[in-house]
Structure formats: C-alpha cells, structure tokens
Amino acid sequence: MSELLLKVKNKRKMPFLRELLKQMDFVEVVEQNPVKPNRKQKQLLKDLDEAVDFVNNFKKGTKAKSFNQLLSEL
C-alpha cells in the first residue's frame, strides 16, 4: 500500500475532497489531527530550548552564570 499526504490550502474545500476520496473504492481515508501541546508541555519545550541555548553558548566560550546569580533569578 502506498501513502499520499495532501495539504489542502482552502479549508472550505475539505468536505468535498473528503467525500470525493471516500467514493473511490481503492482509497482508504485516514485522517490525522495534529496534537497541540498543552501549557505545561509548551513550558517544558521552552525550558529545554533555553537549556540547549545555554549549553551551546557555554561551548562557544560564553561565561556561565554563577550559582548565586541562578538563585537570584528564582
């Protein structure tokens, strides 16, 4: 079985396209809805991005913050 991903630019055309594809007996329509991260997951991703940036800057020679500076930010 082969797969084909379609990106429909006009959302109003989706019902027509969906119905058209369902009428073809050689096509199986499998819809996938993208999962949106919740607030907690977004914060985790933001924190991870900051950590990666910190490590990359440290590797480039940027001076790291002291322990007291980190505590004062909390």
PDB file of N, CA and C in Angstrom:
ATOM      1  N   MET A   1       0.838  -1.170   0.000  1.00  0.00           N
ATOM      2  CA  MET A   1       0.000   0.000   0.000  1.00  0.00           C
ATOM      3  C   MET A   1       0.887   1.240   0.000  1.00  0.00           C
ATOM      4  N   SER A   2       0.544   2.226  -0.783  1.00  0.00           N
ATOM      5  CA  SER A   2       1.259   3.494  -0.835  1.00  0.00           C
ATOM      6  C   SER A   2       0.461   4.551  -0.090  1.00  0.00           C
ATOM      7  N   GLU A   3       1.173   5.568   0.390  1.00  0.00           N
ATOM      8  CA  GLU A   3       0.525   6.647   1.112  1.00  0.00           C
ATOM      9  C   GLU A   3       0.781   7.966   0.403  1.00  0.00           C
ATOM     10  N   LEU A   4      -0.175   8.867   0.549  1.00  0.00           N
ATOM     11  CA  LEU A   4      -0.072  10.182  -0.056  1.00  0.00           C
ATOM     12  C   LEU A   4      -0.572  11.199   0.961  1.00  0.00           C
ATOM     13  N   LEU A   5       0.214  12.196   1.236  1.00  0.00           N
ATOM     14  CA  LEU A   5      -0.160  13.254   2.167  1.00  0.00           C
ATOM     15  C   LEU A   5      -0.639  14.451   1.362  1.00  0.00           C
ATOM     16  N   LEU A   6      -1.831  14.924   1.677  1.00  0.00           N
ATOM     17  CA  LEU A   6      -2.392  16.083   0.986  1.00  0.00           C
ATOM     18  C   LEU A   6      -2.495  17.243   1.953  1.00  0.00           C
ATOM     19  N   LYS A   7      -2.080  18.409   1.516  1.00  0.00           N
ATOM     20  CA  LYS A   7      -2.264  19.624   2.302  1.00  0.00           C
ATOM     21  C   LYS A   7      -3.229  20.507   1.534  1.00  0.00           C
ATOM     22  N   VAL A   8      -4.395  20.717   2.125  1.00  0.00           N
ATOM     23  CA  VAL A   8      -5.449  21.470   1.462  1.00  0.00           C
ATOM     24  C   VAL A   8      -5.358  22.929   1.902  1.00  0.00           C
ATOM     25  N   LYS A   9      -5.171  23.818   0.954  1.00  0.00           N
ATOM     26  CA  LYS A   9      -4.993  25.230   1.263  1.00  0.00           C
ATOM     27  C   LYS A   9      -6.298  25.889   1.697  1.00  0.00           C
ATOM     28  N   ASN A  10      -7.397  25.482   1.101  1.00  0.00           N
ATOM     29  CA  ASN A  10      -8.701  26.082   1.399  1.00  0.00           C
ATOM     30  C   ASN A  10      -9.504  25.109   2.258  1.00  0.00           C
ATOM     31  N   LYS A  11      -9.673  25.422   3.539  1.00  0.00           N
ATOM     32  CA  LYS A  11     -10.360  24.517   4.458  1.00  0.00           C
ATOM     33  C   LYS A  11     -11.809  24.267   4.063  1.00  0.00           C
ATOM     34  N   ARG A  12     -12.409  25.209   3.366  1.00  0.00           N
ATOM     35  CA  ARG A  12     -13.811  25.039   2.954  1.00  0.00           C
ATOM     36  C   ARG A  12     -13.970  23.938   1.907  1.00  0.00           C
ATOM     37  N   LYS A  13     -12.893  23.567   1.251  1.00  0.00           N
ATOM     38  CA  LYS A  13     -12.937  22.510   0.230  1.00  0.00           C
ATOM     39  C   LYS A  13     -12.747  21.109   0.818  1.00  0.00           C
ATOM     40  N   MET A  14     -12.389  21.025   2.090  1.00  0.00           N
ATOM     41  CA  MET A  14     -12.126  19.728   2.723  1.00  0.00           C
ATOM     42  C   MET A  14     -13.317  18.769   2.667  1.00  0.00           C
ATOM     43  N   PRO A  15     -14.527  19.196   2.995  1.00  0.00           N
ATOM     44  CA  PRO A  15     -15.646  18.237   2.918  1.00  0.00           C
ATOM     45  C   PRO A  15     -15.826  17.652   1.519  1.00  0.00           C
ATOM     46  N   PHE A  16     -15.673  18.483   0.504  1.00  0.00           N
ATOM     47  CA  PHE A  16     -15.796  17.996  -0.872  1.00  0.00           C
ATOM     48  C   PHE A  16     -14.711  16.976  -1.184  1.00  0.00           C
ATOM     49  N   LEU A  17     -13.476  17.317  -0.851  1.00  0.00           N
ATOM     50  CA  LEU A  17     -12.358  16.412  -1.134  1.00  0.00           C
ATOM     51  C   LEU A  17     -12.492  15.112  -0.357  1.00  0.00           C
ATOM     52  N   ARG A  18     -12.880  15.200   0.903  1.00  0.00           N
ATOM     53  CA  ARG A  18     -13.060  14.017   1.740  1.00  0.00           C
ATOM     54  C   ARG A  18     -14.131  13.088   1.140  1.00  0.00           C
ATOM     55  N   GLU A  19     -15.237  13.668   0.732  1.00  0.00           N
ATOM     56  CA  GLU A  19     -16.317  12.867   0.148  1.00  0.00           C
ATOM     57  C   GLU A  19     -15.894  12.261  -1.190  1.00  0.00           C
ATOM     58  N   LEU A  20     -15.175  13.020  -1.988  1.00  0.00           N
ATOM     59  CA  LEU A  20     -14.684  12.520  -3.277  1.00  0.00           C
ATOM     60  C   LEU A  20     -13.769  11.320  -3.078  1.00  0.00           C
ATOM     61  N   LEU A  21     -12.859  11.408  -2.142  1.00  0.00           N
ATOM     62  CA  LEU A  21     -11.930  10.310  -1.881  1.00  0.00           C
ATOM     63  C   LEU A  21     -12.643   9.082  -1.330  1.00  0.00           C
ATOM     64  N   LYS A  22     -13.648   9.290  -0.516  1.00  0.00           N
ATOM     65  CA  LYS A  22     -14.387   8.157   0.055  1.00  0.00           C
ATOM     66  C   LYS A  22     -15.154   7.384  -1.017  1.00  0.00           C
ATOM     67  N   GLN A  23     -15.478   8.032  -2.109  1.00  0.00           N
ATOM     68  CA  GLN A  23     -16.217   7.378  -3.190  1.00  0.00           C
ATOM     69  C   GLN A  23     -15.332   6.446  -4.022  1.00  0.00           C
ATOM     70  N   MET A  24     -14.051   6.572  -3.869  1.00  0.00           N
ATOM     71  CA  MET A  24     -13.115   5.727  -4.615  1.00  0.00           C
ATOM     72  C   MET A  24     -12.841   4.470  -3.808  1.00  0.00           C
ATOM     73  N   ASP A  25     -13.206   3.316  -4.365  1.00  0.00           N
ATOM     74  CA  ASP A  25     -13.085   2.064  -3.620  1.00  0.00           C
ATOM     75  C   ASP A  25     -11.634   1.614  -3.420  1.00  0.00           C
ATOM     76  N   PHE A  26     -10.701   2.213  -4.129  1.00  0.00           N
ATOM     77  CA  PHE A  26      -9.290   1.832  -3.990  1.00  0.00           C
ATOM     78  C   PHE A  26      -8.534   2.767  -3.038  1.00  0.00           C
ATOM     79  N   VAL A  27      -9.262   3.686  -2.393  1.00  0.00           N
ATOM     80  CA  VAL A  27      -8.642   4.648  -1.481  1.00  0.00           C
ATOM     81  C   VAL A  27      -9.201   4.453  -0.079  1.00  0.00           C
ATOM     82  N   GLU A  28      -8.311   4.437   0.895  1.00  0.00           N
ATOM     83  CA  GLU A  28      -8.715   4.405   2.299  1.00  0.00           C
ATOM     84  C   GLU A  28      -8.352   5.764   2.898  1.00  0.00           C
ATOM     85  N   VAL A  29      -9.342   6.455   3.440  1.00  0.00           N
ATOM     86  CA  VAL A  29      -9.109   7.778   4.011  1.00  0.00           C
ATOM     87  C   VAL A  29      -8.799   7.610   5.499  1.00  0.00           C
ATOM     88  N   VAL A  30      -7.615   8.053   5.890  1.00  0.00           N
ATOM     89  CA  VAL A  30      -7.198   8.013   7.290  1.00  0.00           C
ATOM     90  C   VAL A  30      -6.868   9.445   7.677  1.00  0.00           C
ATOM     91  N   GLU A  31      -7.669  10.011   8.566  1.00  0.00           N
ATOM     92  CA  GLU A  31      -7.447  11.398   8.964  1.00  0.00           C
ATOM     93  C   GLU A  31      -6.633  11.449  10.239  1.00  0.00           C
ATOM     94  N   GLN A  32      -5.703  12.377  10.268  1.00  0.00           N
ATOM     95  CA  GLN A  32      -4.872  12.583  11.445  1.00  0.00           C
ATOM     96  C   GLN A  32      -4.971  14.038  11.843  1.00  0.00           C
ATOM     97  N   ASN A  33      -5.300  14.258  13.092  1.00  0.00           N
ATOM     98  CA  ASN A  33      -5.342  15.616  13.610  1.00  0.00           C
ATOM     99  C   ASN A  33      -4.061  15.873  14.385  1.00  0.00           C
ATOM    100  N   PRO A  34      -3.384  16.977  14.075  1.00  0.00           N
ATOM    101  CA  PRO A  34      -2.153  17.266  14.806  1.00  0.00           C
ATOM    102  C   PRO A  34      -2.434  17.500  16.290  1.00  0.00           C
ATOM    103  N   VAL A  35      -1.555  17.000  17.123  1.00  0.00           N
ATOM    104  CA  VAL A  35      -1.704  17.154  18.566  1.00  0.00           C
ATOM    105  C   VAL A  35      -1.054  18.467  18.983  1.00  0.00           C
ATOM    106  N   LYS A  36      -1.838  19.306  19.651  1.00  0.00           N
ATOM    107  CA  LYS A  36      -1.309  20.573  20.118  1.00  0.00           C
ATOM    108  C   LYS A  36      -0.841  20.406  21.560  1.00  0.00           C
ATOM    109  N   PRO A  37       0.366  20.885  21.857  1.00  0.00           N
ATOM    110  CA  PRO A  37       0.867  20.740  23.229  1.00  0.00           C
ATOM    111  C   PRO A  37       0.074  21.625  24.197  1.00  0.00           C
ATOM    112  N   ASN A  38      -0.128  21.115  25.418  1.00  0.00           N
ATOM    113  CA  ASN A  38      -0.814  21.911  26.426  1.00  0.00           C
ATOM    114  C   ASN A  38       0.161  22.909  27.040  1.00  0.00           C
ATOM    115  N   ARG A  39      -0.317  23.706  27.998  1.00  0.00           N
ATOM    116  CA  ARG A  39       0.503  24.769  28.586  1.00  0.00           C
ATOM    117  C   ARG A  39       1.753  24.216  29.266  1.00  0.00           C
ATOM    118  N   LYS A  40       1.595  23.109  29.977  1.00  0.00           N
ATOM    119  CA  LYS A  40       2.730  22.513  30.683  1.00  0.00           C
ATOM    120  C   LYS A  40       3.786  22.003  29.689  1.00  0.00           C
ATOM    121  N   GLN A  41       3.333  21.385  28.611  1.00  0.00           N
ATOM    122  CA  GLN A  41       4.261  20.883  27.597  1.00  0.00           C
ATOM    123  C   GLN A  41       4.968  22.038  26.884  1.00  0.00           C
ATOM    124  N   LYS A  42       4.234  23.135  26.632  1.00  0.00           N
ATOM    125  CA  LYS A  42       4.857  24.303  25.999  1.00  0.00           C
ATOM    126  C   LYS A  42       5.952  24.872  26.893  1.00  0.00           C
ATOM    127  N   GLN A  43       5.689  24.937  28.201  1.00  0.00           N
ATOM    128  CA  GLN A  43       6.688  25.454  29.122  1.00  0.00           C
ATOM    129  C   GLN A  43       7.914  24.545  29.157  1.00  0.00           C
ATOM    130  N   LEU A  44       7.677  23.238  29.147  1.00  0.00           N
ATOM    131  CA  LEU A  44       8.789  22.289  29.134  1.00  0.00           C
ATOM    132  C   LEU A  44       9.640  22.466  27.881  1.00  0.00           C
ATOM    133  N   LEU A  45       9.001  22.620  26.729  1.00  0.00           N
ATOM    134  CA  LEU A  45       9.737  22.824  25.484  1.00  0.00           C
ATOM    135  C   LEU A  45      10.530  24.131  25.520  1.00  0.00           C
ATOM    136  N   LYS A  46       9.936  25.176  26.093  1.00  0.00           N
ATOM    137  CA  LYS A  46      10.637  26.452  26.220  1.00  0.00           C
ATOM    138  C   LYS A  46      11.866  26.302  27.120  1.00  0.00           C
ATOM    139  N   ASP A  47      11.689  25.595  28.244  1.00  0.00           N
ATOM    140  CA  ASP A  47      12.804  25.377  29.162  1.00  0.00           C
ATOM    141  C   ASP A  47      13.922  24.564  28.510  1.00  0.00           C
ATOM    142  N   LEU A  48      13.542  23.561  27.730  1.00  0.00           N
ATOM    143  CA  LEU A  48      14.542  22.757  27.027  1.00  0.00           C
ATOM    144  C   LEU A  48      15.304  23.595  26.004  1.00  0.00           C
ATOM    145  N   ASP A  49      14.581  24.459  25.280  1.00  0.00           N
ATOM    146  CA  ASP A  49      15.237  25.349  24.317  1.00  0.00           C
ATOM    147  C   ASP A  49      16.253  26.250  25.009  1.00  0.00           C
ATOM    148  N   GLU A  50      15.872  26.794  26.165  1.00  0.00           N
ATOM    149  CA  GLU A  50      16.783  27.661  26.911  1.00  0.00           C
ATOM    150  C   GLU A  50      18.009  26.880  27.384  1.00  0.00           C
ATOM    151  N   ALA A  51      17.800  25.645  27.833  1.00  0.00           N
ATOM    152  CA  ALA A  51      18.921  24.822  28.303  1.00  0.00           C
ATOM    153  C   ALA A  51      19.880  24.511  27.160  1.00  0.00           C
ATOM    154  N   VAL A  52      19.339  24.183  26.002  1.00  0.00           N
ATOM    155  CA  VAL A  52      20.187  23.886  24.843  1.00  0.00           C
ATOM    156  C   VAL A  52      20.953  25.133  24.425  1.00  0.00           C
ATOM    157  N   ASP A  53      20.286  26.282  24.430  1.00  0.00           N
ATOM    158  CA  ASP A  53      20.969  27.534  24.099  1.00  0.00           C
ATOM    159  C   ASP A  53      22.100  27.812  25.086  1.00  0.00           C
ATOM    160  N   PHE A  54      21.828  27.564  26.371  1.00  0.00           N
ATOM    161  CA  PHE A  54      22.845  27.789  27.398  1.00  0.00           C
ATOM    162  C   PHE A  54      24.066  26.906  27.142  1.00  0.00           C
ATOM    163  N   VAL A  55      23.842  25.632  26.866  1.00  0.00           N
ATOM    164  CA  VAL A  55      24.948  24.701  26.622  1.00  0.00           C
ATOM    165  C   VAL A  55      25.724  25.107  25.371  1.00  0.00           C
ATOM    166  N   ASN A  56      25.013  25.468  24.313  1.00  0.00           N
ATOM    167  CA  ASN A  56      25.683  25.884  23.080  1.00  0.00           C
ATOM    168  C   ASN A  56      26.519  27.143  23.296  1.00  0.00           C
ATOM    169  N   ASN A  57      25.975  28.111  24.043  1.00  0.00           N
ATOM    170  CA  ASN A  57      26.735  29.332  24.330  1.00  0.00           C
ATOM    171  C   ASN A  57      27.951  29.022  25.195  1.00  0.00           C
ATOM    172  N   PHE A  58      27.790  28.109  26.144  1.00  0.00           N
ATOM    173  CA  PHE A  58      28.905  27.732  27.007  1.00  0.00           C
ATOM    174  C   PHE A  58      30.024  27.083  26.193  1.00  0.00           C
ATOM    175  N   LYS A  59      29.638  26.249  25.228  1.00  0.00           N
ATOM    176  CA  LYS A  59      30.638  25.603  24.365  1.00  0.00           C
ATOM    177  C   LYS A  59      31.384  26.625  23.519  1.00  0.00           C
ATOM    178  N   LYS A  60      30.683  27.718  23.150  1.00  0.00           N
ATOM    179  CA  LYS A  60      31.304  28.762  22.337  1.00  0.00           C
ATOM    180  C   LYS A  60      32.216  29.659  23.158  1.00  0.00           C
ATOM    181  N   GLY A  61      32.185  29.497  24.487  1.00  0.00           N
ATOM    182  CA  GLY A  61      33.078  30.292  25.326  1.00  0.00           C
ATOM    183  C   GLY A  61      32.389  31.355  26.142  1.00  0.00           C
ATOM    184  N   THR A  62      31.071  31.453  26.055  1.00  0.00           N
ATOM    185  CA  THR A  62      30.350  32.427  26.871  1.00  0.00           C
ATOM    186  C   THR A  62      30.449  32.006  28.324  1.00  0.00           C
ATOM    187  N   LYS A  63      30.728  32.978  29.184  1.00  0.00           N
ATOM    188  CA  LYS A  63      30.880  32.681  30.600  1.00  0.00           C
ATOM    189  C   LYS A  63      29.527  32.294  31.197  1.00  0.00           C
ATOM    190  N   ALA A  64      29.511  31.220  31.963  1.00  0.00           N
ATOM    191  CA  ALA A  64      28.283  30.739  32.602  1.00  0.00           C
ATOM    192  C   ALA A  64      27.983  31.581  33.833  1.00  0.00           C
ATOM    193  N   LYS A  65      26.716  31.599  34.222  1.00  0.00           N
ATOM    194  CA  LYS A  65      26.296  32.325  35.415  1.00  0.00           C
ATOM    195  C   LYS A  65      26.765  31.583  36.661  1.00  0.00           C
ATOM    196  N   SER A  66      27.009  32.348  37.704  1.00  0.00           N
ATOM    197  CA  SER A  66      27.394  31.727  38.968  1.00  0.00           C
ATOM    198  C   SER A  66      26.161  31.142  39.650  1.00  0.00           C
ATOM    199  N   PHE A  67      26.401  30.331  40.640  1.00  0.00           N
ATOM    200  CA  PHE A  67      25.302  29.707  41.383  1.00  0.00           C
ATOM    201  C   PHE A  67      24.438  30.771  42.059  1.00  0.00           C
ATOM    202  N   ASN A  68      25.068  31.811  42.607  1.00  0.00           N
ATOM    203  CA  ASN A  68      24.325  32.885  43.260  1.00  0.00           C
ATOM    204  C   ASN A  68      23.455  33.649  42.267  1.00  0.00           C
ATOM    205  N   GLN A  69      23.938  33.853  41.040  1.00  0.00           N
ATOM    206  CA  GLN A  69      23.135  34.510  40.015  1.00  0.00           C
ATOM    207  C   GLN A  69      21.913  33.676  39.649  1.00  0.00           C
ATOM    208  N   LEU A  70      22.109  32.368  39.549  1.00  0.00           N
ATOM    209  CA  LEU A  70      20.995  31.483  39.243  1.00  0.00           C
ATOM    210  C   LEU A  70      19.959  31.511  40.360  1.00  0.00           C
ATOM    211  N   LEU A  71      20.400  31.506  41.601  1.00  0.00           N
ATOM    212  CA  LEU A  71      19.476  31.543  42.739  1.00  0.00           C
ATOM    213  C   LEU A  71      18.705  32.860  42.784  1.00  0.00           C
ATOM    214  N   SER A  72      19.356  33.951  42.446  1.00  0.00           N
ATOM    215  CA  SER A  72      18.677  35.246  42.483  1.00  0.00           C
ATOM    216  C   SER A  72      17.582  35.350  41.424  1.00  0.00           C
ATOM    217  N   GLU A  73      17.704  34.595  40.335  1.00  0.00           N
ATOM    218  CA  GLU A  73      16.676  34.599  39.286  1.00  0.00           C
ATOM    219  C   GLU A  73      15.413  33.866  39.736  1.00  0.00           C
ATOM    220  N   LEU A  74      15.562  32.969  40.687  1.00  0.00           N
ATOM    221  CA  LEU A  74      14.399  32.227  41.173  1.00  0.00           C
ATOM    222  C   LEU A  74      13.576  33.126  42.056  1.00  0.00           C
TER     223      LEU A  74
END
